[in-house]
mmCIF file of all heavy atoms, coordinates in Angstrom:
data_MODEL
# 
_entry.id   MODEL 
# 
loop_
_atom_site.group_PDB 
_atom_site.id 
_atom_site.type_symbol 
_atom_site.label_atom_id 
_atom_site.label_alt_id 
_atom_site.label_comp_id 
_atom_site.label_asym_id 
_atom_site.label_entity_id 
_atom_site.label_seq_id 
_atom_site.pdbx_PDB_ins_code 
_atom_site.Cartn_x 
_atom_site.Cartn_y 
_atom_site.Cartn_z 
_atom_site.occupancy 
_atom_site.B_iso_or_equiv 
_atom_site.pdbx_formal_charge 
_atom_site.auth_seq_id 
_atom_site.auth_comp_id 
_atom_site.auth_asym_id 
_atom_site.auth_atom_id 
_atom_site.pdbx_PDB_model_num 
ATOM 1   N N   . GLN A 1 1  ? 231.793 51.072 -130.506 1.00 0.00 ? 1  GLN A N   1 
ATOM 2   C CA  . GLN A 1 1  ? 233.049 51.720 -130.918 1.00 0.00 ? 1  GLN A CA  1 
ATOM 3   C C   . GLN A 1 1  ? 233.045 51.904 -132.484 1.00 0.00 ? 1  GLN A C   1 
ATOM 4   O O   . GLN A 1 1  ? 233.457 52.980 -132.866 1.00 0.00 ? 1  GLN A O   1 
ATOM 5   C CB  . GLN A 1 1  ? 234.255 50.702 -130.635 1.00 0.00 ? 1  GLN A CB  1 
ATOM 6   C CG  . GLN A 1 1  ? 234.579 50.544 -129.171 1.00 0.00 ? 1  GLN A CG  1 
ATOM 7   C CD  . GLN A 1 1  ? 235.717 49.616 -129.043 1.00 0.00 ? 1  GLN A CD  1 
ATOM 8   O OE1 . GLN A 1 1  ? 235.374 48.298 -128.927 1.00 0.00 ? 1  GLN A OE1 1 
ATOM 9   N NE2 . GLN A 1 1  ? 236.971 49.960 -128.877 1.00 0.00 ? 1  GLN A NE2 1 
ATOM 10  N N   . MET A 1 2  ? 232.571 50.983 -133.227 1.00 0.00 ? 2  MET A N   1 
ATOM 11  C CA  . MET A 1 2  ? 232.542 51.201 -134.677 1.00 0.00 ? 2  MET A CA  1 
ATOM 12  C C   . MET A 1 2  ? 231.558 52.339 -134.959 1.00 0.00 ? 2  MET A C   1 
ATOM 13  O O   . MET A 1 2  ? 231.872 53.114 -135.918 1.00 0.00 ? 2  MET A O   1 
ATOM 14  C CB  . MET A 1 2  ? 232.087 50.006 -135.313 1.00 0.00 ? 2  MET A CB  1 
ATOM 15  C CG  . MET A 1 2  ? 232.115 50.018 -136.950 1.00 0.00 ? 2  MET A CG  1 
ATOM 16  S SD  . MET A 1 2  ? 233.629 50.504 -137.643 1.00 0.00 ? 2  MET A SD  1 
ATOM 17  C CE  . MET A 1 2  ? 234.673 48.993 -137.309 1.00 0.00 ? 2  MET A CE  1 
ATOM 18  N N   . LEU A 1 3  ? 230.377 52.350 -134.375 1.00 0.00 ? 3  LEU A N   1 
ATOM 19  C CA  . LEU A 1 3  ? 229.425 53.426 -134.590 1.00 0.00 ? 3  LEU A CA  1 
ATOM 20  C C   . LEU A 1 3  ? 230.048 54.764 -134.255 1.00 0.00 ? 3  LEU A C   1 
ATOM 21  O O   . LEU A 1 3  ? 229.919 55.717 -135.055 1.00 0.00 ? 3  LEU A O   1 
ATOM 22  C CB  . LEU A 1 3  ? 228.169 53.237 -133.764 1.00 0.00 ? 3  LEU A CB  1 
ATOM 23  C CG  . LEU A 1 3  ? 227.131 54.147 -133.935 1.00 0.00 ? 3  LEU A CG  1 
ATOM 24  C CD1 . LEU A 1 3  ? 226.537 54.135 -135.344 1.00 0.00 ? 3  LEU A CD1 1 
ATOM 25  C CD2 . LEU A 1 3  ? 225.854 53.787 -133.058 1.00 0.00 ? 3  LEU A CD2 1 
ATOM 26  N N   . GLY A 1 4  ? 230.860 54.818 -133.160 1.00 0.00 ? 4  GLY A N   1 
ATOM 27  C CA  . GLY A 1 4  ? 231.549 56.042 -132.772 1.00 0.00 ? 4  GLY A CA  1 
ATOM 28  C C   . GLY A 1 4  ? 232.400 56.574 -133.909 1.00 0.00 ? 4  GLY A C   1 
ATOM 29  O O   . GLY A 1 4  ? 232.608 57.804 -134.155 1.00 0.00 ? 4  GLY A O   1 
ATOM 30  N N   . HIS A 1 5  ? 233.182 55.576 -134.467 1.00 0.00 ? 5  HIS A N   1 
ATOM 31  C CA  . HIS A 1 5  ? 234.034 55.937 -135.600 1.00 0.00 ? 5  HIS A CA  1 
ATOM 32  C C   . HIS A 1 5  ? 233.324 56.547 -136.756 1.00 0.00 ? 5  HIS A C   1 
ATOM 33  O O   . HIS A 1 5  ? 233.704 57.530 -137.357 1.00 0.00 ? 5  HIS A O   1 
ATOM 34  C CB  . HIS A 1 5  ? 234.989 54.651 -136.048 1.00 0.00 ? 5  HIS A CB  1 
ATOM 35  C CG  . HIS A 1 5  ? 235.820 54.174 -135.044 1.00 0.00 ? 5  HIS A CG  1 
ATOM 36  N ND1 . HIS A 1 5  ? 236.513 54.938 -134.130 1.00 0.00 ? 5  HIS A ND1 1 
ATOM 37  C CD2 . HIS A 1 5  ? 236.175 52.802 -134.841 1.00 0.00 ? 5  HIS A CD2 1 
ATOM 38  C CE1 . HIS A 1 5  ? 237.281 54.180 -133.402 1.00 0.00 ? 5  HIS A CE1 1 
ATOM 39  N NE2 . HIS A 1 5  ? 237.138 52.886 -133.758 1.00 0.00 ? 5  HIS A NE2 1 
ATOM 40  N N   . LEU A 1 6  ? 232.289 55.926 -137.118 1.00 0.00 ? 6  LEU A N   1 
ATOM 41  C CA  . LEU A 1 6  ? 231.451 56.297 -138.258 1.00 0.00 ? 6  LEU A CA  1 
ATOM 42  C C   . LEU A 1 6  ? 230.746 57.641 -138.055 1.00 0.00 ? 6  LEU A C   1 
ATOM 43  O O   . LEU A 1 6  ? 230.355 58.419 -139.012 1.00 0.00 ? 6  LEU A O   1 
ATOM 44  C CB  . LEU A 1 6  ? 230.462 55.209 -138.644 1.00 0.00 ? 6  LEU A CB  1 
ATOM 45  C CG  . LEU A 1 6  ? 231.006 53.813 -139.048 1.00 0.00 ? 6  LEU A CG  1 
ATOM 46  C CD1 . LEU A 1 6  ? 229.898 52.963 -139.434 1.00 0.00 ? 6  LEU A CD1 1 
ATOM 47  C CD2 . LEU A 1 6  ? 231.966 54.019 -140.248 1.00 0.00 ? 6  LEU A CD2 1 
ATOM 48  N N   . ALA A 1 7  ? 230.578 57.990 -136.798 1.00 0.00 ? 7  ALA A N   1 
ATOM 49  C CA  . ALA A 1 7  ? 229.906 59.284 -136.543 1.00 0.00 ? 7  ALA A CA  1 
ATOM 50  C C   . ALA A 1 7  ? 230.903 60.479 -136.569 1.00 0.00 ? 7  ALA A C   1 
ATOM 51  O O   . ALA A 1 7  ? 230.387 61.611 -136.578 1.00 0.00 ? 7  ALA A O   1 
ATOM 52  C CB  . ALA A 1 7  ? 229.241 59.210 -135.083 1.00 0.00 ? 7  ALA A CB  1 
ATOM 53  N N   . GLU A 1 8  ? 232.144 60.193 -136.579 1.00 0.00 ? 8  GLU A N   1 
ATOM 54  C CA  . GLU A 1 8  ? 233.108 61.299 -136.621 1.00 0.00 ? 8  GLU A CA  1 
ATOM 55  C C   . GLU A 1 8  ? 232.983 62.172 -137.827 1.00 0.00 ? 8  GLU A C   1 
ATOM 56  O O   . GLU A 1 8  ? 232.794 61.519 -139.029 1.00 0.00 ? 8  GLU A O   1 
ATOM 57  C CB  . GLU A 1 8  ? 234.661 60.816 -136.566 1.00 0.00 ? 8  GLU A CB  1 
ATOM 58  C CG  . GLU A 1 8  ? 234.900 60.002 -135.249 1.00 0.00 ? 8  GLU A CG  1 
ATOM 59  C CD  . GLU A 1 8  ? 236.268 59.348 -135.219 1.00 0.00 ? 8  GLU A CD  1 
ATOM 60  O OE1 . GLU A 1 8  ? 236.892 59.373 -136.282 1.00 0.00 ? 8  GLU A OE1 1 
ATOM 61  O OE2 . GLU A 1 8  ? 236.644 58.615 -134.266 1.00 0.00 ? 8  GLU A OE2 1 
ATOM 62  N N   . GLY A 1 9  ? 233.057 63.392 -137.674 1.00 0.00 ? 9  GLY A N   1 
ATOM 63  C CA  . GLY A 1 9  ? 232.805 64.288 -138.793 1.00 0.00 ? 9  GLY A CA  1 
ATOM 64  C C   . GLY A 1 9  ? 231.411 64.620 -139.199 1.00 0.00 ? 9  GLY A C   1 
ATOM 65  O O   . GLY A 1 9  ? 231.041 65.424 -140.112 1.00 0.00 ? 9  GLY A O   1 
ATOM 66  N N   . LYS A 1 10 ? 230.394 64.029 -138.418 1.00 0.00 ? 10 LYS A N   1 
ATOM 67  C CA  . LYS A 1 10 ? 228.967 64.116 -138.819 1.00 0.00 ? 10 LYS A CA  1 
ATOM 68  C C   . LYS A 1 10 ? 228.278 65.113 -137.821 1.00 0.00 ? 10 LYS A C   1 
ATOM 69  O O   . LYS A 1 10 ? 228.980 65.334 -136.608 1.00 0.00 ? 10 LYS A O   1 
ATOM 70  C CB  . LYS A 1 10 ? 228.286 62.868 -138.772 1.00 0.00 ? 10 LYS A CB  1 
ATOM 71  C CG  . LYS A 1 10 ? 228.770 61.819 -139.769 1.00 0.00 ? 10 LYS A CG  1 
ATOM 72  C CD  . LYS A 1 10 ? 228.212 62.283 -141.172 1.00 0.00 ? 10 LYS A CD  1 
ATOM 73  C CE  . LYS A 1 10 ? 228.511 61.221 -142.248 1.00 0.00 ? 10 LYS A CE  1 
ATOM 74  N NZ  . LYS A 1 10 ? 227.902 61.710 -143.519 1.00 0.00 ? 10 LYS A NZ  1 
ATOM 75  N N   . TYR A 1 11 ? 227.254 65.658 -138.049 1.00 0.00 ? 11 TYR A N   1 
ATOM 76  C CA  . TYR A 1 11 ? 226.396 66.336 -137.084 1.00 0.00 ? 11 TYR A CA  1 
ATOM 77  C C   . TYR A 1 11 ? 225.530 65.330 -136.465 1.00 0.00 ? 11 TYR A C   1 
ATOM 78  O O   . TYR A 1 11 ? 224.439 64.948 -137.038 1.00 0.00 ? 11 TYR A O   1 
ATOM 79  C CB  . TYR A 1 11 ? 225.631 67.551 -137.690 1.00 0.00 ? 11 TYR A CB  1 
ATOM 80  C CG  . TYR A 1 11 ? 224.761 68.365 -136.767 1.00 0.00 ? 11 TYR A CG  1 
ATOM 81  C CD1 . TYR A 1 11 ? 225.303 69.489 -136.372 1.00 0.00 ? 11 TYR A CD1 1 
ATOM 82  C CD2 . TYR A 1 11 ? 223.509 67.869 -136.467 1.00 0.00 ? 11 TYR A CD2 1 
ATOM 83  C CE1 . TYR A 1 11 ? 224.527 70.269 -135.370 1.00 0.00 ? 11 TYR A CE1 1 
ATOM 84  C CE2 . TYR A 1 11 ? 222.586 68.731 -135.643 1.00 0.00 ? 11 TYR A CE2 1 
ATOM 85  C CZ  . TYR A 1 11 ? 223.252 69.838 -135.030 1.00 0.00 ? 11 TYR A CZ  1 
ATOM 86  O OH  . TYR A 1 11 ? 222.503 70.675 -134.127 1.00 0.00 ? 11 TYR A OH  1 
ATOM 87  N N   . VAL A 1 12 ? 225.780 64.905 -135.318 1.00 0.00 ? 12 VAL A N   1 
ATOM 88  C CA  . VAL A 1 12 ? 225.295 63.696 -134.648 1.00 0.00 ? 12 VAL A CA  1 
ATOM 89  C C   . VAL A 1 12 ? 224.003 64.065 -133.823 1.00 0.00 ? 12 VAL A C   1 
ATOM 90  O O   . VAL A 1 12 ? 223.930 64.845 -132.996 1.00 0.00 ? 12 VAL A O   1 
ATOM 91  C CB  . VAL A 1 12 ? 226.235 62.886 -133.799 1.00 0.00 ? 12 VAL A CB  1 
ATOM 92  C CG1 . VAL A 1 12 ? 225.541 61.664 -133.110 1.00 0.00 ? 12 VAL A CG1 1 
ATOM 93  C CG2 . VAL A 1 12 ? 227.390 62.496 -134.597 1.00 0.00 ? 12 VAL A CG2 1 
ATOM 94  N N   . MET A 1 13 ? 222.805 63.341 -134.235 1.00 0.00 ? 13 MET A N   1 
ATOM 95  C CA  . MET A 1 13 ? 221.537 63.602 -133.475 1.00 0.00 ? 13 MET A CA  1 
ATOM 96  C C   . MET A 1 13 ? 221.262 62.235 -132.941 1.00 0.00 ? 13 MET A C   1 
ATOM 97  O O   . MET A 1 13 ? 220.702 61.267 -133.587 1.00 0.00 ? 13 MET A O   1 
ATOM 98  C CB  . MET A 1 13 ? 220.554 64.029 -134.449 1.00 0.00 ? 13 MET A CB  1 
ATOM 99  C CG  . MET A 1 13 ? 220.987 65.314 -135.252 1.00 0.00 ? 13 MET A CG  1 
ATOM 100 S SD  . MET A 1 13 ? 219.799 65.700 -136.656 1.00 0.00 ? 13 MET A SD  1 
ATOM 101 C CE  . MET A 1 13 ? 218.471 66.315 -135.727 1.00 0.00 ? 13 MET A CE  1 
ATOM 102 N N   . ALA A 1 14 ? 221.547 62.119 -131.574 1.00 0.00 ? 14 ALA A N   1 
ATOM 103 C CA  . ALA A 1 14 ? 221.504 60.858 -130.906 1.00 0.00 ? 14 ALA A CA  1 
ATOM 104 C C   . ALA A 1 14 ? 220.357 60.831 -129.968 1.00 0.00 ? 14 ALA A C   1 
ATOM 105 O O   . ALA A 1 14 ? 220.104 61.724 -129.158 1.00 0.00 ? 14 ALA A O   1 
ATOM 106 C CB  . ALA A 1 14 ? 222.914 60.580 -130.042 1.00 0.00 ? 14 ALA A CB  1 
ATOM 107 N N   . VAL A 1 15 ? 219.554 59.730 -130.053 1.00 0.00 ? 15 VAL A N   1 
ATOM 108 C CA  . VAL A 1 15 ? 218.392 59.601 -129.246 1.00 0.00 ? 15 VAL A CA  1 
ATOM 109 C C   . VAL A 1 15 ? 218.608 58.444 -128.200 1.00 0.00 ? 15 VAL A C   1 
ATOM 110 O O   . VAL A 1 15 ? 218.755 57.362 -128.584 1.00 0.00 ? 15 VAL A O   1 
ATOM 111 C CB  . VAL A 1 15 ? 217.037 59.267 -130.017 1.00 0.00 ? 15 VAL A CB  1 
ATOM 112 C CG1 . VAL A 1 15 ? 215.908 59.166 -129.074 1.00 0.00 ? 15 VAL A CG1 1 
ATOM 113 C CG2 . VAL A 1 15 ? 216.954 60.430 -130.995 1.00 0.00 ? 15 VAL A CG2 1 
ATOM 114 N N   . ALA A 1 16 ? 218.561 58.801 -126.958 1.00 0.00 ? 16 ALA A N   1 
ATOM 115 C CA  . ALA A 1 16 ? 218.853 57.828 -125.812 1.00 0.00 ? 16 ALA A CA  1 
ATOM 116 C C   . ALA A 1 16 ? 217.577 57.721 -124.925 1.00 0.00 ? 16 ALA A C   1 
ATOM 117 O O   . ALA A 1 16 ? 216.661 58.609 -124.927 1.00 0.00 ? 16 ALA A O   1 
ATOM 118 C CB  . ALA A 1 16 ? 220.019 58.219 -124.993 1.00 0.00 ? 16 ALA A CB  1 
ATOM 119 N N   . GLY A 1 17 ? 217.509 56.522 -124.242 1.00 0.00 ? 17 GLY A N   1 
ATOM 120 C CA  . GLY A 1 17 ? 216.332 56.424 -123.308 1.00 0.00 ? 17 GLY A CA  1 
ATOM 121 C C   . GLY A 1 17 ? 216.097 54.983 -123.132 1.00 0.00 ? 17 GLY A C   1 
ATOM 122 O O   . GLY A 1 17 ? 216.245 54.173 -124.075 1.00 0.00 ? 17 GLY A O   1 
ATOM 123 N N   . THR A 1 18 ? 215.638 54.555 -121.912 1.00 0.00 ? 18 THR A N   1 
ATOM 124 C CA  . THR A 1 18 ? 215.315 53.211 -121.708 1.00 0.00 ? 18 THR A CA  1 
ATOM 125 C C   . THR A 1 18 ? 213.991 52.787 -122.405 1.00 0.00 ? 18 THR A C   1 
ATOM 126 O O   . THR A 1 18 ? 213.722 51.537 -122.500 1.00 0.00 ? 18 THR A O   1 
ATOM 127 C CB  . THR A 1 18 ? 215.073 52.965 -120.240 1.00 0.00 ? 18 THR A CB  1 
ATOM 128 O OG1 . THR A 1 18 ? 214.287 53.996 -119.657 1.00 0.00 ? 18 THR A OG1 1 
ATOM 129 C CG2 . THR A 1 18 ? 216.405 52.939 -119.475 1.00 0.00 ? 18 THR A CG2 1 
ATOM 130 N N   . HIS A 1 19 ? 213.170 53.694 -122.949 1.00 0.00 ? 19 HIS A N   1 
ATOM 131 C CA  . HIS A 1 19 ? 212.200 53.258 -123.906 1.00 0.00 ? 19 HIS A CA  1 
ATOM 132 C C   . HIS A 1 19 ? 211.752 54.599 -124.785 1.00 0.00 ? 19 HIS A C   1 
ATOM 133 O O   . HIS A 1 19 ? 212.195 55.723 -124.392 1.00 0.00 ? 19 HIS A O   1 
ATOM 134 C CB  . HIS A 1 19 ? 210.834 52.821 -123.187 1.00 0.00 ? 19 HIS A CB  1 
ATOM 135 C CG  . HIS A 1 19 ? 210.334 53.698 -122.054 1.00 0.00 ? 19 HIS A CG  1 
ATOM 136 N ND1 . HIS A 1 19 ? 209.595 54.751 -122.231 1.00 0.00 ? 19 HIS A ND1 1 
ATOM 137 C CD2 . HIS A 1 19 ? 210.631 53.550 -120.675 1.00 0.00 ? 19 HIS A CD2 1 
ATOM 138 C CE1 . HIS A 1 19 ? 209.363 55.278 -121.112 1.00 0.00 ? 19 HIS A CE1 1 
ATOM 139 N NE2 . HIS A 1 19 ? 209.986 54.578 -120.067 1.00 0.00 ? 19 HIS A NE2 1 
ATOM 140 N N   . GLY A 1 20 ? 211.292 54.326 -125.923 1.00 0.00 ? 20 GLY A N   1 
ATOM 141 C CA  . GLY A 1 20 ? 210.888 55.433 -126.865 1.00 0.00 ? 20 GLY A CA  1 
ATOM 142 C C   . GLY A 1 20 ? 211.921 55.761 -127.882 1.00 0.00 ? 20 GLY A C   1 
ATOM 143 O O   . GLY A 1 20 ? 211.567 56.528 -128.809 1.00 0.00 ? 20 GLY A O   1 
ATOM 144 N N   . LYS A 1 21 ? 213.118 55.329 -127.705 1.00 0.00 ? 21 LYS A N   1 
ATOM 145 C CA  . LYS A 1 21 ? 214.227 55.786 -128.480 1.00 0.00 ? 21 LYS A CA  1 
ATOM 146 C C   . LYS A 1 21 ? 214.173 55.353 -129.995 1.00 0.00 ? 21 LYS A C   1 
ATOM 147 O O   . LYS A 1 21 ? 214.612 56.045 -130.874 1.00 0.00 ? 21 LYS A O   1 
ATOM 148 C CB  . LYS A 1 21 ? 215.570 55.500 -127.935 1.00 0.00 ? 21 LYS A CB  1 
ATOM 149 C CG  . LYS A 1 21 ? 215.857 53.992 -127.689 1.00 0.00 ? 21 LYS A CG  1 
ATOM 150 C CD  . LYS A 1 21 ? 217.330 53.824 -127.061 1.00 0.00 ? 21 LYS A CD  1 
ATOM 151 C CE  . LYS A 1 21 ? 217.583 52.354 -126.700 1.00 0.00 ? 21 LYS A CE  1 
ATOM 152 N NZ  . LYS A 1 21 ? 216.850 52.025 -125.560 1.00 0.00 ? 21 LYS A NZ  1 
ATOM 153 N N   . THR A 1 22 ? 213.659 54.113 -130.191 1.00 0.00 ? 22 THR A N   1 
ATOM 154 C CA  . THR A 1 22 ? 213.626 53.675 -131.678 1.00 0.00 ? 22 THR A CA  1 
ATOM 155 C C   . THR A 1 22 ? 212.602 54.482 -132.550 1.00 0.00 ? 22 THR A C   1 
ATOM 156 O O   . THR A 1 22 ? 213.004 54.926 -133.720 1.00 0.00 ? 22 THR A O   1 
ATOM 157 C CB  . THR A 1 22 ? 213.185 52.031 -131.652 1.00 0.00 ? 22 THR A CB  1 
ATOM 158 O OG1 . THR A 1 22 ? 214.255 51.396 -130.864 1.00 0.00 ? 22 THR A OG1 1 
ATOM 159 C CG2 . THR A 1 22 ? 213.309 51.508 -132.998 1.00 0.00 ? 22 THR A CG2 1 
ATOM 160 N N   . THR A 1 23 ? 211.466 54.497 -132.022 1.00 0.00 ? 23 THR A N   1 
ATOM 161 C CA  . THR A 1 23 ? 210.463 55.398 -132.836 1.00 0.00 ? 23 THR A CA  1 
ATOM 162 C C   . THR A 1 23 ? 210.972 56.853 -132.960 1.00 0.00 ? 23 THR A C   1 
ATOM 163 O O   . THR A 1 23 ? 210.930 57.401 -134.002 1.00 0.00 ? 23 THR A O   1 
ATOM 164 C CB  . THR A 1 23 ? 209.017 55.370 -132.172 1.00 0.00 ? 23 THR A CB  1 
ATOM 165 O OG1 . THR A 1 23 ? 208.688 54.030 -132.119 1.00 0.00 ? 23 THR A OG1 1 
ATOM 166 C CG2 . THR A 1 23 ? 208.106 56.235 -132.911 1.00 0.00 ? 23 THR A CG2 1 
ATOM 167 N N   . THR A 1 24 ? 211.494 57.317 -131.837 1.00 0.00 ? 24 THR A N   1 
ATOM 168 C CA  . THR A 1 24 ? 211.871 58.782 -131.945 1.00 0.00 ? 24 THR A CA  1 
ATOM 169 C C   . THR A 1 24 ? 213.076 58.992 -132.857 1.00 0.00 ? 24 THR A C   1 
ATOM 170 O O   . THR A 1 24 ? 213.098 59.976 -133.751 1.00 0.00 ? 24 THR A O   1 
ATOM 171 C CB  . THR A 1 24 ? 212.212 59.271 -130.537 1.00 0.00 ? 24 THR A CB  1 
ATOM 172 O OG1 . THR A 1 24 ? 211.224 59.096 -129.642 1.00 0.00 ? 24 THR A OG1 1 
ATOM 173 C CG2 . THR A 1 24 ? 212.657 60.799 -130.562 1.00 0.00 ? 24 THR A CG2 1 
ATOM 174 N N   . SER A 1 25 ? 214.234 58.130 -132.864 1.00 0.00 ? 25 SER A N   1 
ATOM 175 C CA  . SER A 1 25 ? 215.174 58.258 -133.702 1.00 0.00 ? 25 SER A CA  1 
ATOM 176 C C   . SER A 1 25 ? 214.857 58.011 -135.198 1.00 0.00 ? 25 SER A C   1 
ATOM 177 O O   . SER A 1 25 ? 215.436 58.718 -136.139 1.00 0.00 ? 25 SER A O   1 
ATOM 178 C CB  . SER A 1 25 ? 216.458 57.253 -133.249 1.00 0.00 ? 25 SER A CB  1 
ATOM 179 O OG  . SER A 1 25 ? 215.988 55.985 -133.304 1.00 0.00 ? 25 SER A OG  1 
# 
């Protein structure tokens, strides 16, 4: 929830996935 608040007003580039997301983001 807090991360969602901090993302408001930003150009959000979100990386999701059950693996690979940490290196990719």
